[in-house]
Amino acid sequence: MKDAYGNERRLIELVSYDEVYDQDKTEHFRNIKRYSSFDYSDMILFDHEATSNIVEMMLGVTFQVSRNQRGLTWDNYQAGLAMWRRNKAIHSPWRGIDPELYPKKRLLGYSGMDIETIRLLEKGGRRHDREEAARWGYAMYIADDPTVAKYFNDWIKATTEGFSQTVVCAVFARDGDLWDRLPKIWVPEIDHLKTNNTNGTPFDIAWSQENRDDLIASWGVQKPYILFSRHHNMGNHAGLTFPVPGNQRFNEMVVYPQIQEALIIIYRMTDKQVAYAIETGANLHYEQRVSAWNIAVPPETAKDFRDHNEKFS
């Protein structure tokens, strides 16, 4: 390759930051950030290895997979740039942990969280947990019903014998207008859409996310998006009674790390505030917000609702 002066040069001699060595991709990008002072949100990684999407989950680097071992094609390059632009477009400035600092905030639901995740989010960051079961991938899982959030909060403590410090948090979008424009989809209960991160290999887990994103894109919804689903009834476990009666399913919202960092603020609720929310029935009923929140509902999802005698609006 010729440089600006017409001299033959090796490609590696023309790059600003040489990170060509065997190391975890997150370490490469931490070094690049240190060299360049650019934010992770300004970076893109193109790679044919889906396991490299860890840089998106952990750091906030836009990741574009190159499928079928074809390398970087022009179309793939343009798709990565378009995703990067969409990621940048959802950013709402971080102003601190007080919800009152966000005049256009929008309540999204409730979640029982471990203290380590809470601290990351209270700094305007993102969740890093890659161990807890996550059927729709590594994300923040939010309930519309505070009783469900409290159940999972108590369940985590019970199953860890009290070693985990957890708090029920109210979850907000910093900017309701941005939230309205954000792509959203309600997915059906299809096994091949889900992630088995409890027993799956890193290869399988990474490709399950890429393949889910690909299928959802075929339904007209591109990253970054919010995912909604119905979860099977949990029944009674660890000495706790699940608050949804009978065998009814319950709603969950899935917020991926890019959106957590760009748009989300949380508020730690006191026990008294949680009890009051439950007493007053502060349930957002996601299934009743499909139209208001512009949630895409593919035919497969509509059939899933019908098969369970459930309704949405």
Protein backbone atom coordinates (compact mmCIF):
# COMPACT_ATOMS: atom_id res chain seq x y z
CA MET A 1 0.00 0.00 0.00
CA LYS A 2 1.22 3.51 -0.81
CA ASP A 3 1.26 6.28 1.73
CA ALA A 4 0.35 9.94 1.12
CA TYR A 5 3.76 10.50 -0.47
CA GLY A 6 3.56 7.55 -2.88
CA ASN A 7 5.93 5.34 -0.91
CA GLU A 8 5.19 1.63 -0.52
CA ARG A 9 4.33 0.89 3.10
CA ARG A 10 2.96 -2.08 5.02
CA LEU A 11 -0.60 -1.53 6.22
CA ILE A 12 0.41 -1.99 9.86
CA GLU A 13 2.82 0.94 9.48
CA LEU A 14 -0.06 3.27 8.61
CA VAL A 15 -2.29 2.62 11.61
CA SER A 16 -2.27 4.92 14.62
CA TYR A 17 -2.68 2.27 17.33
CA ASP A 18 -1.17 -1.18 16.84
CA GLU A 19 -3.28 -3.69 18.77
CA VAL A 20 -2.46 -6.78 16.66
CA TYR A 21 -1.70 -9.38 19.32
CA ASP A 22 -3.55 -12.16 21.12
CA GLN A 23 -5.57 -10.61 23.93
CA ASP A 24 -9.21 -10.23 24.97
CA LYS A 25 -10.93 -7.68 22.75
CA THR A 26 -11.98 -5.64 25.77
CA GLU A 27 -8.31 -5.13 26.63
CA HIS A 28 -7.57 -3.95 23.07
CA PHE A 29 -10.29 -1.32 23.28
CA ARG A 30 -9.33 -0.21 26.76
CA ASN A 31 -5.84 0.44 25.37
CA ILE A 32 -7.24 2.29 22.35
CA LYS A 33 -9.34 4.47 24.64
CA ARG A 34 -6.26 5.21 26.74
CA TYR A 35 -4.17 6.08 23.66
CA SER A 36 -6.81 8.15 21.88
CA SER A 37 -9.07 9.55 24.65
CA PHE A 38 -12.07 8.69 22.42
CA ASP A 39 -15.18 7.36 24.15
CA TYR A 40 -16.17 3.75 23.54
CA SER A 41 -19.41 5.08 22.04
CA ASP A 42 -17.32 6.58 19.23
CA MET A 43 -15.80 3.21 18.26
CA ILE A 44 -16.92 0.35 15.99
CA LEU A 45 -15.59 -3.20 15.81
CA PHE A 46 -16.18 -5.32 12.71
CA ASP A 47 -15.43 -9.01 13.29
CA HIS A 48 -16.52 -12.40 11.97
CA GLU A 49 -16.30 -13.85 15.51
CA ALA A 50 -19.57 -13.23 17.36
CA THR A 51 -17.80 -13.70 20.72
CA SER A 52 -16.26 -10.28 20.09
CA ASN A 53 -19.65 -8.74 20.83
CA ILE A 54 -18.42 -8.69 24.43
CA VAL A 55 -16.99 -5.23 23.64
CA GLU A 56 -20.53 -3.98 23.06
CA MET A 57 -21.94 -5.54 26.21
CA MET A 58 -19.10 -4.57 28.54
CA LEU A 59 -17.76 -1.32 27.10
CA GLY A 60 -20.24 0.25 24.67
CA VAL A 61 -18.27 -0.23 21.45
CA THR A 62 -20.67 -0.68 18.51
CA PHE A 63 -20.23 -4.22 17.20
CA GLN A 64 -21.04 -5.39 13.67
CA VAL A 65 -20.62 -9.10 12.96
CA SER A 66 -19.42 -10.17 9.52
CA ARG A 67 -21.30 -13.37 8.75
CA ASN A 68 -20.38 -16.35 6.55
CA GLN A 69 -16.62 -15.77 6.86
CA ARG A 70 -16.77 -13.26 3.99
CA GLY A 71 -14.72 -10.64 5.76
CA LEU A 72 -15.64 -6.96 5.69
CA THR A 73 -17.87 -6.23 2.73
CA TRP A 74 -19.10 -2.78 1.70
CA ASP A 75 -22.66 -3.63 2.76
CA ASN A 76 -21.47 -4.89 6.13
CA TYR A 77 -19.38 -1.76 6.60
CA GLN A 78 -22.37 0.48 5.85
CA ALA A 79 -24.59 -1.57 8.19
CA GLY A 80 -22.08 -1.04 11.01
CA LEU A 81 -21.97 2.70 10.42
CA ALA A 82 -25.78 2.87 10.40
CA MET A 83 -25.93 0.99 13.71
CA TRP A 84 -23.31 3.31 15.20
CA ARG A 85 -25.40 6.32 14.17
CA ARG A 86 -28.50 4.78 15.74
CA ASN A 87 -26.59 4.12 18.96
CA LYS A 88 -25.42 7.74 19.08
CA ALA A 89 -28.93 9.05 18.40
CA ILE A 90 -30.43 7.60 21.60
CA HIS A 91 -28.01 9.29 23.99
CA SER A 92 -29.54 11.50 26.69
CA PRO A 93 -27.07 13.43 28.88
CA TRP A 94 -26.28 11.97 32.29
CA ARG A 95 -27.08 14.56 34.97
CA GLY A 96 -26.80 12.52 38.15
CA ILE A 97 -28.83 10.03 40.19
CA ASP A 98 -31.73 12.30 41.21
CA PRO A 99 -34.73 11.62 38.91
CA GLU A 100 -35.88 15.21 39.42
CA LEU A 101 -32.87 16.34 37.34
CA TYR A 102 -34.64 14.87 34.29
CA PRO A 103 -37.81 16.90 33.61
CA LYS A 104 -38.83 14.61 30.70
CA LYS A 105 -38.24 11.35 32.57
CA ARG A 106 -40.56 8.39 31.95
CA LEU A 107 -41.25 5.59 34.46
CA LEU A 108 -40.56 2.25 32.77
CA GLY A 109 -40.99 -0.25 35.59
CA TYR A 110 -39.31 -1.89 38.55
CA SER A 111 -36.37 -4.23 39.06
CA GLY A 112 -34.72 -5.99 41.99
CA MET A 113 -30.98 -5.40 41.47
CA ASP A 114 -27.74 -6.41 43.12
CA ILE A 115 -25.79 -3.59 44.67
CA GLU A 116 -22.86 -3.89 42.24
CA THR A 117 -25.16 -3.28 39.27
CA ILE A 118 -26.89 -0.42 41.07
CA ARG A 119 -23.58 1.33 41.64
CA LEU A 120 -22.63 1.01 37.97
CA LEU A 121 -25.98 2.41 36.83
CA GLU A 122 -25.82 5.22 39.37
CA LYS A 123 -22.64 6.38 37.66
CA GLY A 124 -24.39 6.51 34.29
CA GLY A 125 -22.90 3.17 33.29
CA ARG A 126 -24.14 -0.29 32.39
CA ARG A 127 -24.69 -3.70 33.92
CA HIS A 128 -21.71 -6.09 33.65
CA ASP A 129 -23.15 -9.30 35.13
CA ARG A 130 -22.50 -12.29 32.85
CA GLU A 131 -23.40 -15.05 35.31
CA GLU A 132 -27.06 -14.64 36.19
CA ALA A 133 -29.48 -16.54 33.94
CA ALA A 134 -30.53 -14.33 31.04
CA ARG A 135 -32.87 -15.91 28.53
CA TRP A 136 -32.88 -12.90 26.19
CA GLY A 137 -29.18 -12.17 26.56
CA TYR A 138 -27.14 -10.05 28.94
CA ALA A 139 -29.37 -7.13 29.88
CA MET A 140 -31.43 -5.41 32.55
CA TYR A 141 -34.73 -7.22 33.15
CA ILE A 142 -37.60 -4.99 34.28
CA ALA A 143 -41.10 -5.83 35.52
CA ASP A 144 -44.21 -3.70 35.06
CA ASP A 145 -45.52 -4.91 38.43
CA PRO A 146 -43.71 -3.91 41.65
CA THR A 147 -44.88 -7.14 43.32
CA VAL A 148 -42.93 -9.14 40.71
CA ALA A 149 -39.84 -6.97 41.18
CA LYS A 150 -40.03 -7.50 44.96
CA TYR A 151 -40.42 -11.26 44.48
CA PHE A 152 -37.23 -11.49 42.42
CA ASN A 153 -35.46 -9.18 44.82
CA ASP A 154 -36.36 -11.51 47.71
CA TRP A 155 -35.68 -14.62 45.61
CA ILE A 156 -32.09 -13.54 44.92
CA LYS A 157 -31.49 -13.06 48.63
CA ALA A 158 -33.12 -16.40 49.49
CA THR A 159 -31.18 -18.42 46.91
CA THR A 160 -27.87 -16.83 47.91
CA GLU A 161 -28.64 -17.30 51.62
CA GLY A 162 -28.57 -13.56 52.14
CA PHE A 163 -25.09 -13.04 50.71
CA SER A 164 -26.39 -10.82 47.89
CA GLN A 165 -27.36 -7.27 48.76
CA THR A 166 -30.31 -6.32 46.58
CA VAL A 167 -32.65 -3.34 46.33
CA VAL A 168 -35.88 -2.81 44.38
CA CYS A 169 -35.35 0.12 42.03
CA ALA A 170 -37.69 2.21 39.94
CA VAL A 171 -36.38 2.43 36.39
CA PHE A 172 -36.83 5.55 34.25
CA ALA A 173 -35.96 6.74 30.78
CA ARG A 174 -34.11 10.04 31.18
CA ASP A 175 -36.00 11.49 28.21
CA GLY A 176 -39.52 10.36 27.39
CA ASP A 177 -39.34 11.74 23.85
CA LEU A 178 -36.27 9.65 23.07
CA TRP A 179 -38.00 6.66 24.64
CA ASP A 180 -40.99 7.11 22.33
CA ARG A 181 -38.71 7.05 19.27
CA LEU A 182 -36.72 4.03 20.40
CA PRO A 183 -37.51 0.83 18.44
CA LYS A 184 -39.40 -1.74 20.52
CA ILE A 185 -40.63 -5.25 19.85
CA TRP A 186 -42.65 -7.88 21.69
CA VAL A 187 -41.19 -11.29 20.87
CA PRO A 188 -42.96 -14.66 21.04
CA GLU A 189 -41.92 -17.53 23.28
CA ILE A 190 -39.76 -19.31 20.70
CA ASP A 191 -36.95 -21.45 22.09
CA HIS A 192 -34.45 -20.76 19.31
CA LEU A 193 -34.73 -17.03 20.08
CA LYS A 194 -33.50 -17.54 23.63
CA THR A 195 -30.04 -17.62 25.20
CA ASN A 196 -28.85 -20.48 27.39
CA ASN A 197 -26.13 -18.63 29.22
CA THR A 198 -26.25 -21.02 32.19
CA ASN A 199 -24.92 -24.03 30.28
CA GLY A 200 -24.06 -22.57 26.88
CA THR A 201 -20.55 -22.00 25.55
CA PRO A 202 -19.33 -18.43 24.90
CA PHE A 203 -19.59 -19.21 21.16
CA ASP A 204 -23.22 -20.30 21.43
CA ILE A 205 -24.19 -17.43 23.71
CA ALA A 206 -22.63 -14.84 21.40
CA TRP A 207 -24.25 -16.24 18.27
CA SER A 208 -27.64 -16.52 19.98
CA GLN A 209 -27.56 -12.73 20.42
CA GLU A 210 -26.49 -12.07 16.83
CA ASN A 211 -29.07 -14.50 15.43
CA ARG A 212 -31.84 -13.02 17.61
CA ASP A 213 -30.91 -9.52 16.41
CA ASP A 214 -30.97 -10.79 12.82
CA LEU A 215 -34.43 -12.34 13.16
CA ILE A 216 -35.80 -9.24 14.90
CA ALA A 217 -34.38 -7.11 12.08
CA SER A 218 -36.34 -9.29 9.64
CA TRP A 219 -39.45 -8.20 11.58
CA GLY A 220 -38.53 -4.58 10.87
CA VAL A 221 -36.86 -3.64 14.19
CA GLN A 222 -33.14 -2.85 14.26
CA LYS A 223 -30.69 -2.35 17.11
CA PRO A 224 -30.72 -0.67 19.48
CA TYR A 225 -34.16 -1.88 20.53
CA ILE A 226 -36.20 -2.66 23.65
CA LEU A 227 -37.48 -6.23 23.90
CA PHE A 228 -40.74 -7.23 25.62
CA SER A 229 -41.91 -10.74 26.34
CA ARG A 230 -44.19 -12.90 28.45
CA HIS A 231 -42.46 -15.05 31.07
CA HIS A 232 -43.86 -18.35 32.31
CA ASN A 233 -45.24 -18.33 35.84
CA MET A 234 -42.53 -18.99 38.43
CA GLY A 235 -44.70 -20.87 40.92
CA ASN A 236 -43.34 -21.16 44.44
CA HIS A 237 -39.61 -21.43 45.06
CA ALA A 238 -37.20 -20.95 47.94
CA GLY A 239 -40.11 -20.64 50.35
CA LEU A 240 -41.57 -17.69 48.40
CA THR A 241 -45.01 -17.50 46.83
CA PHE A 242 -45.04 -16.01 43.35
CA PRO A 243 -47.44 -13.02 43.33
CA VAL A 244 -49.08 -13.72 39.95
CA PRO A 245 -51.99 -16.10 40.62
CA GLY A 246 -52.71 -19.39 38.93
CA ASN A 247 -50.53 -20.27 35.98
CA GLN A 248 -50.69 -16.81 34.40
CA ARG A 249 -47.65 -15.47 32.62
CA PHE A 250 -46.15 -12.12 33.52
CA ASN A 251 -44.52 -9.32 31.55
CA GLU A 252 -40.85 -8.46 31.32
CA MET A 253 -38.95 -5.70 29.57
CA VAL A 254 -35.35 -6.29 28.45
CA VAL A 255 -33.01 -3.30 28.22
CA TYR A 256 -29.62 -4.01 26.64
CA PRO A 257 -26.41 -2.31 27.86
CA GLN A 258 -26.15 0.25 25.04
CA ILE A 259 -29.53 1.66 26.04
CA GLN A 260 -28.83 1.41 29.77
CA GLU A 261 -25.86 3.73 29.45
CA ALA A 262 -27.47 6.07 26.94
CA LEU A 263 -30.97 6.52 28.35
CA ILE A 264 -31.62 4.90 31.73
CA ILE A 265 -31.69 6.22 35.28
CA ILE A 266 -32.62 4.19 38.36
CA TYR A 267 -33.91 5.16 41.78
CA ARG A 268 -33.43 3.02 44.88
CA MET A 269 -36.81 2.49 46.53
CA THR A 270 -37.21 2.18 50.29
CA ASP A 271 -39.18 -0.74 51.70
CA LYS A 272 -41.95 1.73 52.51
CA GLN A 273 -42.04 3.01 48.91
CA VAL A 274 -42.15 -0.54 47.55
CA ALA A 275 -44.98 -1.44 49.90
CA TYR A 276 -46.90 1.68 48.86
CA ALA A 277 -46.42 0.92 45.15
CA ILE A 278 -47.76 -2.58 45.72
CA GLU A 279 -50.66 -1.36 47.86
CA THR A 280 -51.74 1.25 45.30
CA GLY A 281 -51.40 -1.14 42.35
CA ALA A 282 -48.69 0.80 40.54
CA ASN A 283 -48.60 -1.70 37.68
CA LEU A 284 -47.73 -0.32 34.23
CA HIS A 285 -49.34 -3.28 32.36
CA TYR A 286 -46.99 -3.42 29.37
CA GLU A 287 -49.57 -5.37 27.36
CA GLN A 288 -51.80 -2.28 27.49
CA ARG A 289 -49.05 0.02 26.19
CA VAL A 290 -48.34 -1.64 22.86
CA SER A 291 -49.94 1.19 20.87
CA ALA A 292 -48.91 4.05 23.17
CA TRP A 293 -45.27 2.93 23.25
CA ASN A 294 -45.16 1.90 19.56
CA ILE A 295 -44.20 -1.70 20.32
CA ALA A 296 -43.96 -3.84 17.19
CA VAL A 297 -45.94 -7.09 17.46
CA PRO A 298 -45.00 -9.68 14.80
CA PRO A 299 -47.67 -12.20 13.71
CA GLU A 300 -45.85 -14.91 15.68
CA THR A 301 -46.25 -12.86 18.86
CA ALA A 302 -49.92 -12.16 18.23
CA LYS A 303 -50.46 -15.91 17.81
CA ASP A 304 -48.58 -16.56 21.06
CA PHE A 305 -50.96 -14.20 22.87
CA ARG A 306 -53.99 -15.90 21.31
CA ASP A 307 -52.70 -19.37 22.18
CA HIS A 308 -52.58 -18.31 25.84
CA ASN A 309 -55.94 -16.46 25.75
CA GLU A 310 -54.17 -13.17 26.44
CA LYS A 311 -54.88 -9.73 25.03
CA PHE A 312 -52.80 -6.69 24.22
CA SER A 313 -53.64 -3.15 23.12
